[in-house]
Amino acid sequence: MSDIEVGPERRDTVSPEHHGMIVRYTAGDRTNHWTVALAFVLAALSGLALFHPALFGLSALFGGGPWTRVLHPCIGLAMVLAFVPFALRVGSENRMQPRDWAWLRQYRDVVTNREERLPEVGRYNAGQKLVFYAVVVCLMGLLFSGVVIWRAYFSLYFPAPVLRLAFITHAVCALVLICTIIVHIYAAIWVKGSVEAMTRGKVTPGWAWKHHRVWFREIMTRAANSRPRAD
């Protein structure tokens, strides 16, 4: 497998420089992902500090209440802007297909880790796709509601009923997003090799075959077709 001459930093290719490891995420993908992750952590902590008096102590991480109020919307906006190119890059790979619905119907096999009974999946399984859609919807809700309640610039232009609805929408979207990310982190730890994929960018052929068999076949077919043919 190591004789396949493919660039080591192209997505979904076999890396000859890393003993046949498969490039799942490029350096750009990983940088984008961790930028969004860092912004999410900061936005969640600052948002929780503003959400309830019992959590106001978290504002000390941002220099106190006034600075937390100033920084929170800016961090949130940065998170959305960083997520947009990532979403555009992987959006087409997250379209639900018939095999994904079949995968979801077999949720008992999913939670009991009986992958041999599950339908074969592509680059992302149905659970990962639902996480993607949940993040997209929540970020859209947070963005629009956040603009409405951004006191320094926009909130004065909206009537009180709209502001109340925006506050509720913001809180609900934030709660759903935090729960979604917790599930995402748990799943990444649960499936051995997933964290390494997003830190180092590469996975073993065995990992790809076990967890994303359709994707693995596509890569192997592409790699085989790219080999120079003997005359």
C-alpha atoms as a PDB file:
ATOM      1  CA  MET A   1       0.000   0.000   0.000  1.00  0.00           C
ATOM      2  CA  SER A   2       2.922   2.332   0.664  1.00  0.00           C
ATOM      3  CA  ASP A   3       3.837   2.420  -3.039  1.00  0.00           C
ATOM      4  CA  ILE A   4       0.813   4.565  -3.879  1.00  0.00           C
ATOM      5  CA  GLU A   5       2.136   7.975  -4.818  1.00  0.00           C
ATOM      6  CA  VAL A   6      -0.397  10.402  -3.477  1.00  0.00           C
ATOM      7  CA  GLY A   7       0.209  13.729  -1.737  1.00  0.00           C
ATOM      8  CA  PRO A   8       0.327  13.233   2.039  1.00  0.00           C
ATOM      9  CA  GLU A   9      -1.890  16.210   2.841  1.00  0.00           C
ATOM     10  CA  ARG A  10      -4.751  15.589   0.437  1.00  0.00           C
ATOM     11  CA  ARG A  11      -7.994  14.561   2.084  1.00  0.00           C
ATOM     12  CA  ASP A  12      -9.208  11.000   1.656  1.00  0.00           C
ATOM     13  CA  THR A  13      -5.957   9.660   0.263  1.00  0.00           C
ATOM     14  CA  VAL A  14      -3.386   7.080   1.274  1.00  0.00           C
ATOM     15  CA  SER A  15      -0.172   8.624   2.590  1.00  0.00           C
ATOM     16  CA  PRO A  16       2.952   6.825   1.354  1.00  0.00           C
ATOM     17  CA  GLU A  17       5.030   8.834   3.813  1.00  0.00           C
ATOM     18  CA  HIS A  18       3.132   7.430   6.800  1.00  0.00           C
ATOM     19  CA  HIS A  19       3.143   3.696   6.083  1.00  0.00           C
ATOM     20  CA  GLY A  20      -0.153   3.602   4.230  1.00  0.00           C
ATOM     21  CA  MET A  21      -2.136   5.661   6.761  1.00  0.00           C
ATOM     22  CA  ILE A  22      -5.226   7.330   5.338  1.00  0.00           C
ATOM     23  CA  VAL A  23      -5.462  11.120   5.420  1.00  0.00           C
ATOM     24  CA  ARG A  24      -8.871  11.859   6.937  1.00  0.00           C
ATOM     25  CA  TYR A  25      -8.310  15.523   7.801  1.00  0.00           C
ATOM     26  CA  THR A  26      -5.738  17.945   6.443  1.00  0.00           C
ATOM     27  CA  ALA A  27      -3.885  20.468   8.572  1.00  0.00           C
ATOM     28  CA  GLY A  28      -6.379  23.094   7.403  1.00  0.00           C
ATOM     29  CA  ASP A  29      -9.323  20.931   8.441  1.00  0.00           C
ATOM     30  CA  ARG A  30      -7.854  20.344  11.873  1.00  0.00           C
ATOM     31  CA  THR A  31      -6.948  23.984  12.433  1.00  0.00           C
ATOM     32  CA  ASN A  32     -10.468  24.999  11.432  1.00  0.00           C
ATOM     33  CA  HIS A  33     -12.028  22.395  13.736  1.00  0.00           C
ATOM     34  CA  TRP A  34      -9.955  23.329  16.793  1.00  0.00           C
ATOM     35  CA  THR A  35     -10.523  27.037  16.191  1.00  0.00           C
ATOM     36  CA  VAL A  36     -14.266  26.419  16.327  1.00  0.00           C
ATOM     37  CA  ALA A  37     -13.812  24.179  19.379  1.00  0.00           C
ATOM     38  CA  LEU A  38     -11.830  26.823  21.270  1.00  0.00           C
ATOM     39  CA  ALA A  39     -14.357  29.520  20.382  1.00  0.00           C
ATOM     40  CA  PHE A  40     -17.172  27.228  21.536  1.00  0.00           C
ATOM     41  CA  VAL A  41     -15.557  26.662  24.940  1.00  0.00           C
ATOM     42  CA  LEU A  42     -15.019  30.399  25.449  1.00  0.00           C
ATOM     43  CA  ALA A  43     -18.519  31.262  24.236  1.00  0.00           C
ATOM     44  CA  ALA A  44     -20.090  28.586  26.452  1.00  0.00           C
ATOM     45  CA  LEU A  45     -18.207  29.692  29.577  1.00  0.00           C
ATOM     46  CA  SER A  46     -18.923  33.385  29.040  1.00  0.00           C
ATOM     47  CA  GLY A  47     -22.536  32.643  28.135  1.00  0.00           C
ATOM     48  CA  LEU A  48     -23.084  30.531  31.257  1.00  0.00           C
ATOM     49  CA  ALA A  49     -21.602  33.339  33.355  1.00  0.00           C
ATOM     50  CA  LEU A  50     -24.270  35.678  31.971  1.00  0.00           C
ATOM     51  CA  PHE A  51     -27.068  33.114  32.115  1.00  0.00           C
ATOM     52  CA  HIS A  52     -27.498  32.679  35.881  1.00  0.00           C
ATOM     53  CA  PRO A  53     -26.128  34.406  39.013  1.00  0.00           C
ATOM     54  CA  ALA A  54     -24.929  31.054  40.359  1.00  0.00           C
ATOM     55  CA  LEU A  55     -22.544  30.809  37.410  1.00  0.00           C
ATOM     56  CA  PHE A  56     -21.404  34.420  37.430  1.00  0.00           C
ATOM     57  CA  GLY A  57     -18.079  33.379  38.957  1.00  0.00           C
ATOM     58  CA  LEU A  58     -17.066  32.181  35.506  1.00  0.00           C
ATOM     59  CA  SER A  59     -16.870  35.814  34.447  1.00  0.00           C
ATOM     60  CA  ALA A  60     -13.567  36.041  36.341  1.00  0.00           C
ATOM     61  CA  LEU A  61     -12.046  34.062  33.458  1.00  0.00           C
ATOM     62  CA  PHE A  62     -12.787  37.011  31.170  1.00  0.00           C
ATOM     63  CA  GLY A  63     -11.851  39.903  33.464  1.00  0.00           C
ATOM     64  CA  GLY A  64     -15.176  40.404  35.215  1.00  0.00           C
ATOM     65  CA  GLY A  65     -18.806  41.021  34.314  1.00  0.00           C
ATOM     66  CA  PRO A  66     -18.403  44.031  31.978  1.00  0.00           C
ATOM     67  CA  TRP A  67     -15.664  42.375  29.937  1.00  0.00           C
ATOM     68  CA  THR A  68     -17.651  39.132  29.777  1.00  0.00           C
ATOM     69  CA  ARG A  69     -20.615  41.026  28.369  1.00  0.00           C
ATOM     70  CA  VAL A  70     -18.376  42.709  25.792  1.00  0.00           C
ATOM     71  CA  LEU A  71     -16.446  39.590  24.766  1.00  0.00           C
ATOM     72  CA  HIS A  72     -19.257  37.020  24.668  1.00  0.00           C
ATOM     73  CA  PRO A  73     -20.983  38.226  21.456  1.00  0.00           C
ATOM     74  CA  CYS A  74     -17.634  38.792  19.761  1.00  0.00           C
ATOM     75  CA  ILE A  75     -16.497  35.259  20.579  1.00  0.00           C
ATOM     76  CA  GLY A  76     -19.824  33.868  19.426  1.00  0.00           C
ATOM     77  CA  LEU A  77     -19.582  35.720  16.127  1.00  0.00           C
ATOM     78  CA  ALA A  78     -16.021  34.460  15.655  1.00  0.00           C
ATOM     79  CA  MET A  79     -17.232  30.895  16.273  1.00  0.00           C
ATOM     80  CA  VAL A  80     -19.909  31.187  13.588  1.00  0.00           C
ATOM     81  CA  LEU A  81     -17.505  32.735  11.080  1.00  0.00           C
ATOM     82  CA  ALA A  82     -14.955  29.978  11.720  1.00  0.00           C
ATOM     83  CA  PHE A  83     -17.598  27.276  11.359  1.00  0.00           C
ATOM     84  CA  VAL A  84     -18.897  28.491   7.997  1.00  0.00           C
ATOM     85  CA  PRO A  85     -15.921  27.335   5.850  1.00  0.00           C
ATOM     86  CA  PHE A  86     -15.815  24.020   7.713  1.00  0.00           C
ATOM     87  CA  ALA A  87     -19.540  23.481   7.106  1.00  0.00           C
ATOM     88  CA  LEU A  88     -19.183  24.325   3.421  1.00  0.00           C
ATOM     89  CA  ARG A  89     -16.305  21.878   3.102  1.00  0.00           C
ATOM     90  CA  VAL A  90     -18.072  18.901   4.696  1.00  0.00           C
ATOM     91  CA  GLY A  91     -21.708  19.765   4.035  1.00  0.00           C
ATOM     92  CA  SER A  92     -22.087  17.591   0.935  1.00  0.00           C
ATOM     93  CA  GLU A  93     -20.654  14.618   2.834  1.00  0.00           C
ATOM     94  CA  ASN A  94     -23.308  14.978   5.545  1.00  0.00           C
ATOM     95  CA  ARG A  95     -26.377  14.446   3.377  1.00  0.00           C
ATOM     96  CA  MET A  96     -28.606  11.749   4.786  1.00  0.00           C
ATOM     97  CA  GLN A  97     -28.874   8.611   2.640  1.00  0.00           C
ATOM     98  CA  PRO A  98     -31.056   5.486   2.923  1.00  0.00           C
ATOM     99  CA  ARG A  99     -28.267   3.581   4.675  1.00  0.00           C
ATOM    100  CA  ASP A 100     -28.129   6.321   7.309  1.00  0.00           C
ATOM    101  CA  TRP A 101     -31.802   5.899   8.205  1.00  0.00           C
ATOM    102  CA  ALA A 102     -31.236   2.154   8.433  1.00  0.00           C
ATOM    103  CA  TRP A 103     -28.257   2.844  10.725  1.00  0.00           C
ATOM    104  CA  LEU A 104     -30.449   4.966  13.008  1.00  0.00           C
ATOM    105  CA  ARG A 105     -33.155   2.309  13.167  1.00  0.00           C
ATOM    106  CA  GLN A 106     -30.540  -0.062  14.557  1.00  0.00           C
ATOM    107  CA  TYR A 107     -29.685   2.247  17.447  1.00  0.00           C
ATOM    108  CA  ARG A 108     -29.559  -0.685  19.864  1.00  0.00           C
ATOM    109  CA  ASP A 109     -26.639  -2.127  17.918  1.00  0.00           C
ATOM    110  CA  VAL A 110     -25.027   1.316  17.913  1.00  0.00           C
ATOM    111  CA  VAL A 111     -25.130   1.781  21.691  1.00  0.00           C
ATOM    112  CA  THR A 112     -24.020  -1.802  22.343  1.00  0.00           C
ATOM    113  CA  ASN A 113     -21.095  -1.408  19.913  1.00  0.00           C
ATOM    114  CA  ARG A 114     -22.158  -4.252  17.608  1.00  0.00           C
ATOM    115  CA  GLU A 115     -20.851  -2.623  14.450  1.00  0.00           C
ATOM    116  CA  GLU A 116     -20.817  -5.868  12.491  1.00  0.00           C
ATOM    117  CA  ARG A 117     -24.636  -5.710  12.420  1.00  0.00           C
ATOM    118  CA  LEU A 118     -24.852  -2.119  11.223  1.00  0.00           C
ATOM    119  CA  PRO A 119     -25.173  -1.005   7.594  1.00  0.00           C
ATOM    120  CA  GLU A 120     -21.928   0.118   6.004  1.00  0.00           C
ATOM    121  CA  VAL A 121     -21.476   3.889   6.101  1.00  0.00           C
ATOM    122  CA  GLY A 122     -19.544   6.496   4.183  1.00  0.00           C
ATOM    123  CA  ARG A 123     -17.222   9.197   5.466  1.00  0.00           C
ATOM    124  CA  TYR A 124     -19.665  10.069   8.251  1.00  0.00           C
ATOM    125  CA  ASN A 125     -22.253   7.887   9.949  1.00  0.00           C
ATOM    126  CA  ALA A 126     -25.798   9.008  10.705  1.00  0.00           C
ATOM    127  CA  GLY A 127     -24.939  10.035  14.263  1.00  0.00           C
ATOM    128  CA  GLN A 128     -22.183  12.331  13.044  1.00  0.00           C
ATOM    129  CA  LYS A 129     -24.515  13.795  10.441  1.00  0.00           C
ATOM    130  CA  LEU A 130     -27.180  14.546  13.059  1.00  0.00           C
ATOM    131  CA  VAL A 131     -24.536  16.293  15.160  1.00  0.00           C
ATOM    132  CA  PHE A 132     -23.586  18.365  12.118  1.00  0.00           C
ATOM    133  CA  TYR A 133     -27.189  19.413  11.460  1.00  0.00           C
ATOM    134  CA  ALA A 134     -27.786  20.166  15.152  1.00  0.00           C
ATOM    135  CA  VAL A 135     -24.716  22.418  15.223  1.00  0.00           C
ATOM    136  CA  VAL A 136     -25.796  24.210  12.037  1.00  0.00           C
ATOM    137  CA  VAL A 137     -29.337  24.853  13.325  1.00  0.00           C
ATOM    138  CA  CYS A 138     -28.169  25.902  16.788  1.00  0.00           C
ATOM    139  CA  LEU A 139     -25.521  28.274  15.462  1.00  0.00           C
ATOM    140  CA  MET A 140     -28.065  29.876  13.140  1.00  0.00           C
ATOM    141  CA  GLY A 141     -30.457  30.301  16.064  1.00  0.00           C
ATOM    142  CA  LEU A 142     -27.703  31.707  18.270  1.00  0.00           C
ATOM    143  CA  LEU A 143     -26.543  34.092  15.560  1.00  0.00           C
ATOM    144  CA  PHE A 144     -29.945  35.604  14.757  1.00  0.00           C
ATOM    145  CA  SER A 145     -31.150  35.739  18.360  1.00  0.00           C
ATOM    146  CA  GLY A 146     -27.764  37.039  19.486  1.00  0.00           C
ATOM    147  CA  VAL A 147     -27.913  39.937  17.042  1.00  0.00           C
ATOM    148  CA  VAL A 148     -31.364  40.877  18.353  1.00  0.00           C
ATOM    149  CA  ILE A 149     -30.237  40.929  22.004  1.00  0.00           C
ATOM    150  CA  TRP A 150     -26.821  42.535  21.361  1.00  0.00           C
ATOM    151  CA  ARG A 151     -27.480  45.565  23.547  1.00  0.00           C
ATOM    152  CA  ALA A 152     -24.622  47.740  22.400  1.00  0.00           C
ATOM    153  CA  TYR A 153     -25.761  47.797  18.780  1.00  0.00           C
ATOM    154  CA  PHE A 154     -29.098  46.235  17.878  1.00  0.00           C
ATOM    155  CA  SER A 155     -31.432  45.516  20.795  1.00  0.00           C
ATOM    156  CA  LEU A 156     -32.823  49.076  20.883  1.00  0.00           C
ATOM    157  CA  TYR A 157     -34.337  48.533  17.447  1.00  0.00           C
ATOM    158  CA  PHE A 158     -36.578  45.644  18.548  1.00  0.00           C
ATOM    159  CA  PRO A 159     -39.745  45.676  20.678  1.00  0.00           C
ATOM    160  CA  ALA A 160     -39.869  43.936  24.055  1.00  0.00           C
ATOM    161  CA  PRO A 161     -41.801  40.832  22.838  1.00  0.00           C
ATOM    162  CA  VAL A 162     -39.168  40.184  20.150  1.00  0.00           C
ATOM    163  CA  LEU A 163     -36.392  40.576  22.711  1.00  0.00           C
ATOM    164  CA  ARG A 164     -38.068  38.101  25.071  1.00  0.00           C
ATOM    165  CA  LEU A 165     -38.446  35.561  22.272  1.00  0.00           C
ATOM    166  CA  ALA A 166     -34.824  36.110  21.257  1.00  0.00           C
ATOM    167  CA  PHE A 167     -33.598  35.550  24.824  1.00  0.00           C
ATOM    168  CA  ILE A 168     -35.531  32.274  25.054  1.00  0.00           C
ATOM    169  CA  THR A 169     -34.326  31.151  21.618  1.00  0.00           C
ATOM    170  CA  HIS A 170     -30.738  31.988  22.528  1.00  0.00           C
ATOM    171  CA  ALA A 171     -30.906  30.015  25.765  1.00  0.00           C
ATOM    172  CA  VAL A 172     -32.569  26.971  24.168  1.00  0.00           C
ATOM    173  CA  CYS A 173     -30.124  26.875  21.239  1.00  0.00           C
ATOM    174  CA  ALA A 174     -27.181  27.238  23.614  1.00  0.00           C
ATOM    175  CA  LEU A 175     -28.426  24.382  25.811  1.00  0.00           C
ATOM    176  CA  VAL A 176     -29.003  22.094  22.828  1.00  0.00           C
ATOM    177  CA  LEU A 177     -25.597  22.978  21.363  1.00  0.00           C
ATOM    178  CA  ILE A 178     -23.779  22.289  24.641  1.00  0.00           C
ATOM    179  CA  CYS A 179     -25.525  18.911  24.995  1.00  0.00           C
ATOM    180  CA  THR A 180     -24.741  18.091  21.359  1.00  0.00           C
ATOM    181  CA  ILE A 181     -21.052  18.875  21.810  1.00  0.00           C
ATOM    182  CA  ILE A 182     -20.924  16.757  24.973  1.00  0.00           C
ATOM    183  CA  VAL A 183     -22.330  13.821  22.974  1.00  0.00           C
ATOM    184  CA  HIS A 184     -19.844  14.578  20.180  1.00  0.00           C
ATOM    185  CA  ILE A 185     -16.904  14.510  22.595  1.00  0.00           C
ATOM    186  CA  TYR A 186     -18.136  11.330  24.271  1.00  0.00           C
ATOM    187  CA  ALA A 187     -18.535   9.578  20.922  1.00  0.00           C
ATOM    188  CA  ALA A 188     -15.059  10.681  19.829  1.00  0.00           C
ATOM    189  CA  ILE A 189     -13.550   9.187  22.988  1.00  0.00           C
ATOM    190  CA  TRP A 190     -15.738   6.080  22.775  1.00  0.00           C
ATOM    191  CA  VAL A 191     -14.649   5.238  19.232  1.00  0.00           C
ATOM    192  CA  LYS A 192     -10.937   4.620  19.632  1.00  0.00           C
ATOM    193  CA  GLY A 193      -8.880   6.427  17.016  1.00  0.00           C
ATOM    194  CA  SER A 194     -11.335   9.279  16.411  1.00  0.00           C
ATOM    195  CA  VAL A 195      -9.473  11.803  18.555  1.00  0.00           C
ATOM    196  CA  GLU A 196      -6.195  10.927  16.828  1.00  0.00           C
ATOM    197  CA  ALA A 197      -7.897  11.489  13.476  1.00  0.00           C
ATOM    198  CA  MET A 198      -8.628  15.102  14.404  1.00  0.00           C
ATOM    199  CA  THR A 199      -5.272  15.734  16.095  1.00  0.00           C
ATOM    200  CA  ARG A 200      -2.922  13.963  13.683  1.00  0.00           C
ATOM    201  CA  GLY A 201      -5.177  13.882  10.637  1.00  0.00           C
ATOM    202  CA  LYS A 202      -4.605  10.231   9.749  1.00  0.00           C
ATOM    203  CA  VAL A 203      -6.281   6.903  10.484  1.00  0.00           C
ATOM    204  CA  THR A 204      -5.241   3.317   9.882  1.00  0.00           C
ATOM    205  CA  PRO A 205      -6.821   1.320   7.048  1.00  0.00           C
ATOM    206  CA  GLY A 206      -8.203  -1.022   9.723  1.00  0.00           C
ATOM    207  CA  TRP A 207      -9.977   1.858  11.476  1.00  0.00           C
ATOM    208  CA  ALA A 208     -11.447   3.084   8.199  1.00  0.00           C
ATOM    209  CA  TRP A 209     -12.589  -0.429   7.279  1.00  0.00           C
ATOM    210  CA  LYS A 210     -14.229  -1.021  10.645  1.00  0.00           C
ATOM    211  CA  HIS A 211     -16.032   2.296  11.087  1.00  0.00           C
ATOM    212  CA  HIS A 212     -16.499   3.784   7.576  1.00  0.00           C
ATOM    213  CA  ARG A 213     -16.357   0.912   5.135  1.00  0.00           C
ATOM    214  CA  VAL A 214     -17.978   2.644   2.142  1.00  0.00           C
ATOM    215  CA  TRP A 215     -15.549   5.553   2.514  1.00  0.00           C
ATOM    216  CA  PHE A 216     -12.635   3.118   2.779  1.00  0.00           C
ATOM    217  CA  ARG A 217     -13.628   1.374  -0.457  1.00  0.00           C
ATOM    218  CA  GLU A 218     -13.901   4.708  -2.249  1.00  0.00           C
ATOM    219  CA  ILE A 219     -10.402   5.671  -1.141  1.00  0.00           C
ATOM    220  CA  MET A 220      -8.918   2.333  -2.131  1.00  0.00           C
ATOM    221  CA  THR A 221     -10.598   2.485  -5.540  1.00  0.00           C
ATOM    222  CA  ARG A 222      -9.324   6.005  -6.120  1.00  0.00           C
ATOM    223  CA  ALA A 223      -5.828   5.044  -4.996  1.00  0.00           C
ATOM    224  CA  ALA A 224      -5.769   1.981  -7.257  1.00  0.00           C
ATOM    225  CA  ASN A 225      -6.899   4.051 -10.242  1.00  0.00           C
ATOM    226  CA  SER A 226      -4.156   6.607  -9.578  1.00  0.00           C
ATOM    227  CA  ARG A 227      -1.357   4.056  -9.795  1.00  0.00           C
ATOM    228  CA  PRO A 228       0.776   4.314 -12.929  1.00  0.00           C
ATOM    229  CA  ARG A 229      -0.002   1.376 -15.195  1.00  0.00           C
ATOM    230  CA  ALA A 230       2.777  -0.897 -16.317  1.00  0.00           C
ATOM    231  CA  ASP A 231       3.320  -0.881 -20.067  1.00  0.00           C
END
